[in-house]
């Protein structure tokens, strides 16, 4: 049983080392996956090859939305008939 556990640990270690060597060689030679499919992580700079998207503003932080909402509320109050009391 102990021999089996040791054998599995050695196989995992060899697999990881081979994977790292092949990945490093592929990135160094420029062959392999296209830029969008290249691996992320310590072998690649974060965000490399990706276009920056403009950050979206939530509706409650958008000044234009808040302004239009305020105008709608004011119009709603102005449209109310004062004689109905509502």
N, C-alpha and C. Protein backbone atom coordinates (compact mmCIF):
# COMPACT_ATOMS: atom_id res chain seq x y z
N UNK A 1 0.83 -1.20 0.00
CA UNK A 1 0.00 0.00 0.00
C UNK A 1 0.87 1.27 0.00
N UNK A 2 1.89 1.27 0.81
CA UNK A 2 2.78 2.42 0.89
C UNK A 2 3.49 2.61 -0.45
N UNK A 3 3.87 1.51 -1.08
CA UNK A 3 4.53 1.60 -2.37
C UNK A 3 3.62 2.23 -3.42
N UNK A 4 2.34 1.92 -3.37
CA UNK A 4 1.37 2.49 -4.29
C UNK A 4 1.27 4.01 -4.09
N UNK A 5 1.20 4.47 -2.86
CA UNK A 5 1.09 5.90 -2.56
C UNK A 5 2.35 6.63 -3.04
N UNK A 6 3.50 6.06 -2.82
CA UNK A 6 4.75 6.67 -3.26
C UNK A 6 4.79 6.74 -4.79
N UNK A 7 4.35 5.68 -5.46
CA UNK A 7 4.35 5.66 -6.92
C UNK A 7 3.41 6.74 -7.47
N UNK A 8 2.25 6.92 -6.88
CA UNK A 8 1.31 7.95 -7.33
C UNK A 8 1.92 9.33 -7.13
N UNK A 9 2.56 9.56 -6.00
CA UNK A 9 3.18 10.86 -5.73
C UNK A 9 4.29 11.16 -6.74
N UNK A 10 5.09 10.15 -7.09
CA UNK A 10 6.17 10.35 -8.06
C UNK A 10 5.58 10.64 -9.43
N UNK A 11 4.55 9.91 -9.83
CA UNK A 11 3.92 10.15 -11.13
C UNK A 11 3.31 11.56 -11.22
N UNK A 12 2.70 12.01 -10.15
CA UNK A 12 2.12 13.36 -10.14
C UNK A 12 3.24 14.39 -10.26
N UNK A 13 4.32 14.22 -9.53
CA UNK A 13 5.43 15.17 -9.59
C UNK A 13 6.04 15.21 -10.99
N UNK A 14 6.25 14.04 -11.61
CA UNK A 14 6.80 13.99 -12.97
C UNK A 14 5.84 14.65 -13.95
N UNK A 15 4.55 14.40 -13.80
CA UNK A 15 3.55 15.01 -14.68
C UNK A 15 3.56 16.53 -14.59
N UNK A 16 3.65 17.05 -13.38
CA UNK A 16 3.66 18.51 -13.20
C UNK A 16 4.92 19.10 -13.82
N UNK A 17 6.06 18.47 -13.61
CA UNK A 17 7.30 18.98 -14.18
C UNK A 17 7.27 18.96 -15.71
N UNK A 18 6.75 17.87 -16.29
CA UNK A 18 6.62 17.82 -17.75
C UNK A 18 5.67 18.88 -18.28
N UNK A 19 4.56 19.07 -17.59
CA UNK A 19 3.59 20.09 -18.00
C UNK A 19 4.21 21.47 -17.97
N UNK A 20 4.93 21.79 -16.91
CA UNK A 20 5.60 23.10 -16.80
C UNK A 20 6.64 23.27 -17.92
N UNK A 21 7.41 22.21 -18.20
CA UNK A 21 8.44 22.31 -19.23
C UNK A 21 7.83 22.53 -20.61
N UNK A 22 6.78 21.79 -20.93
CA UNK A 22 6.14 21.93 -22.24
C UNK A 22 5.48 23.30 -22.37
N UNK A 23 4.83 23.75 -21.31
CA UNK A 23 4.17 25.07 -21.34
C UNK A 23 5.21 26.18 -21.53
N UNK A 24 6.32 26.11 -20.80
CA UNK A 24 7.35 27.14 -20.92
C UNK A 24 7.96 27.13 -22.32
N UNK A 25 8.19 25.93 -22.87
CA UNK A 25 8.77 25.83 -24.21
C UNK A 25 7.80 26.37 -25.26
N UNK A 26 6.52 26.07 -25.12
CA UNK A 26 5.51 26.53 -26.07
C UNK A 26 5.41 28.04 -26.05
N UNK A 27 5.40 28.63 -24.86
CA UNK A 27 5.32 30.09 -24.77
C UNK A 27 6.58 30.77 -25.29
N UNK A 28 7.75 30.15 -25.08
CA UNK A 28 9.00 30.75 -25.53
C UNK A 28 9.12 30.72 -27.05
N UNK A 29 8.64 29.65 -27.68
CA UNK A 29 8.77 29.55 -29.13
C UNK A 29 7.64 30.25 -29.87
N UNK A 30 6.58 30.57 -29.17
CA UNK A 30 5.48 31.28 -29.80
C UNK A 30 4.52 30.38 -30.53
N UNK A 31 4.70 29.09 -30.42
CA UNK A 31 3.77 28.15 -31.05
C UNK A 31 2.71 27.74 -30.04
N UNK A 32 1.66 27.17 -30.53
CA UNK A 32 0.62 26.68 -29.62
C UNK A 32 -0.65 27.47 -29.77
N UNK A 33 -1.29 27.74 -28.66
CA UNK A 33 -2.61 28.37 -28.67
C UNK A 33 -2.51 29.83 -29.10
N UNK A 34 -3.56 30.33 -29.79
CA UNK A 34 -3.60 31.75 -30.11
C UNK A 34 -3.64 32.60 -28.84
N UNK A 35 -3.46 33.87 -29.00
CA UNK A 35 -3.37 34.79 -27.85
C UNK A 35 -4.58 34.70 -26.93
N UNK A 36 -5.78 34.60 -27.50
CA UNK A 36 -6.99 34.56 -26.67
C UNK A 36 -7.12 33.26 -25.91
N UNK A 37 -6.50 32.19 -26.42
CA UNK A 37 -6.62 30.89 -25.78
C UNK A 37 -5.39 30.52 -24.96
N UNK A 38 -4.40 31.40 -24.90
CA UNK A 38 -3.19 31.11 -24.15
C UNK A 38 -3.51 31.03 -22.67
N UNK A 39 -2.76 30.25 -21.93
CA UNK A 39 -3.06 30.09 -20.50
C UNK A 39 -2.84 31.37 -19.72
N UNK A 40 -3.59 31.52 -18.67
CA UNK A 40 -3.38 32.64 -17.78
C UNK A 40 -2.65 32.13 -16.55
N UNK A 41 -2.17 33.00 -15.74
CA UNK A 41 -1.48 32.59 -14.53
C UNK A 41 -0.07 33.16 -14.51
N UNK A 42 0.81 32.54 -13.76
CA UNK A 42 2.15 33.09 -13.60
C UNK A 42 2.98 33.07 -14.87
N UNK A 43 2.58 32.28 -15.89
CA UNK A 43 3.35 32.24 -17.12
C UNK A 43 2.98 33.37 -18.07
N UNK A 44 1.97 34.13 -17.72
CA UNK A 44 1.49 35.19 -18.61
C UNK A 44 1.08 36.41 -17.79
N UNK A 45 1.38 37.58 -18.31
CA UNK A 45 1.01 38.81 -17.60
C UNK A 45 -0.50 38.94 -17.54
N UNK A 46 -1.05 39.36 -16.41
CA UNK A 46 -2.51 39.48 -16.31
C UNK A 46 -3.05 40.52 -17.28
N UNK A 47 -4.09 40.17 -17.99
CA UNK A 47 -4.74 41.09 -18.91
C UNK A 47 -4.04 41.27 -20.24
N UNK A 48 -2.96 40.53 -20.47
CA UNK A 48 -2.22 40.68 -21.72
C UNK A 48 -3.07 40.15 -22.87
N UNK A 49 -3.15 40.91 -23.94
CA UNK A 49 -3.88 40.48 -25.11
C UNK A 49 -5.38 40.70 -25.02
N UNK A 50 -5.84 41.27 -23.97
CA UNK A 50 -7.28 41.52 -23.82
C UNK A 50 -7.54 43.02 -23.89
N UNK A 51 -8.55 43.36 -24.65
CA UNK A 51 -8.91 44.77 -24.78
C UNK A 51 -9.61 45.23 -23.50
N UNK A 52 -9.30 46.43 -23.10
CA UNK A 52 -9.96 47.00 -21.93
C UNK A 52 -11.36 47.46 -22.32
N UNK A 53 -12.34 47.07 -21.55
CA UNK A 53 -13.71 47.50 -21.80
C UNK A 53 -14.03 48.67 -20.89
N UNK A 54 -14.79 49.63 -21.42
CA UNK A 54 -15.19 50.73 -20.54
C UNK A 54 -16.07 50.19 -19.42
N UNK A 55 -15.80 50.67 -18.24
CA UNK A 55 -16.55 50.20 -17.07
C UNK A 55 -17.96 50.74 -17.11
N UNK A 56 -18.93 49.86 -16.89
CA UNK A 56 -20.32 50.27 -16.90
C UNK A 56 -20.67 50.94 -15.56
N UNK A 57 -21.56 51.90 -15.64
CA UNK A 57 -22.00 52.60 -14.44
C UNK A 57 -23.35 52.04 -14.05
N UNK A 58 -23.51 51.73 -12.79
CA UNK A 58 -24.80 51.24 -12.30
C UNK A 58 -25.82 52.37 -12.39
N UNK A 59 -27.11 52.04 -12.60
CA UNK A 59 -28.12 53.09 -12.75
C UNK A 59 -28.19 54.05 -11.57
N UNK A 60 -27.97 53.56 -10.36
CA UNK A 60 -28.06 54.45 -9.21
C UNK A 60 -26.83 55.35 -9.06
N UNK A 61 -25.79 55.12 -9.87
CA UNK A 61 -24.60 55.98 -9.87
C UNK A 61 -24.52 56.87 -11.11
N UNK A 62 -25.42 56.66 -12.05
CA UNK A 62 -25.39 57.39 -13.31
C UNK A 62 -26.10 58.73 -13.14
N UNK A 63 -25.36 59.85 -13.24
CA UNK A 63 -25.98 61.16 -13.03
C UNK A 63 -27.11 61.45 -14.01
N UNK A 64 -26.96 61.02 -15.25
CA UNK A 64 -28.01 61.27 -16.24
C UNK A 64 -29.29 60.52 -15.88
N UNK A 65 -29.16 59.29 -15.45
CA UNK A 65 -30.32 58.51 -15.05
C UNK A 65 -31.00 59.14 -13.83
N UNK A 66 -30.21 59.55 -12.86
CA UNK A 66 -30.78 60.15 -11.65
C UNK A 66 -31.49 61.47 -11.98
N UNK A 67 -30.91 62.24 -12.91
CA UNK A 67 -31.53 63.50 -13.31
C UNK A 67 -32.88 63.23 -13.99
N UNK A 68 -32.91 62.25 -14.89
CA UNK A 68 -34.17 61.95 -15.58
C UNK A 68 -35.21 61.40 -14.61
N UNK A 69 -34.77 60.63 -13.64
CA UNK A 69 -35.70 60.11 -12.63
C UNK A 69 -36.27 61.23 -11.78
N UNK A 70 -35.42 62.18 -11.41
CA UNK A 70 -35.89 63.32 -10.62
C UNK A 70 -36.90 64.15 -11.42
N UNK A 71 -36.65 64.33 -12.72
CA UNK A 71 -37.59 65.08 -13.56
C UNK A 71 -38.92 64.35 -13.67
N UNK A 72 -38.89 63.05 -13.78
CA UNK A 72 -40.13 62.27 -13.84
C UNK A 72 -40.93 62.42 -12.55
N UNK A 73 -40.25 62.38 -11.43
CA UNK A 73 -40.95 62.53 -10.14
C UNK A 73 -41.55 63.92 -10.03
N UNK A 74 -40.81 64.95 -10.42
CA UNK A 74 -41.32 66.31 -10.36
C UNK A 74 -42.52 66.50 -11.29
N UNK A 75 -42.44 65.91 -12.50
CA UNK A 75 -43.57 65.99 -13.43
C UNK A 75 -44.78 65.26 -12.87
N UNK A 76 -44.55 64.15 -12.22
CA UNK A 76 -45.65 63.40 -11.62
C UNK A 76 -46.34 64.20 -10.53
N UNK A 77 -45.59 64.91 -9.73
CA UNK A 77 -46.17 65.74 -8.66
C UNK A 77 -46.90 66.94 -9.24
N UNK A 78 -46.34 67.52 -10.32
CA UNK A 78 -46.97 68.69 -10.93
C UNK A 78 -48.26 68.29 -11.63
N UNK A 79 -48.36 67.07 -12.13
CA UNK A 79 -49.54 66.60 -12.83
C UNK A 79 -50.69 66.26 -11.89
N UNK A 80 -50.38 66.03 -10.61
CA UNK A 80 -51.43 65.69 -9.67
C UNK A 80 -52.38 66.88 -9.47
N UNK A 81 -53.64 66.58 -9.32
CA UNK A 81 -54.65 67.62 -9.11
C UNK A 81 -54.72 67.92 -7.62
N UNK A 82 -54.44 69.16 -7.20
CA UNK A 82 -54.46 69.48 -5.77
C UNK A 82 -55.86 69.34 -5.15
N UNK A 83 -56.92 69.43 -5.93
CA UNK A 83 -58.28 69.36 -5.37
C UNK A 83 -58.65 67.93 -4.97
N UNK A 84 -57.98 66.90 -5.54
CA UNK A 84 -58.30 65.53 -5.18
C UNK A 84 -57.64 65.11 -3.89
N UNK A 85 -56.61 65.82 -3.48
CA UNK A 85 -55.94 65.53 -2.23
C UNK A 85 -55.01 64.34 -2.30
N UNK A 86 -54.69 63.91 -3.50
CA UNK A 86 -53.94 62.68 -3.63
C UNK A 86 -52.56 62.80 -3.94
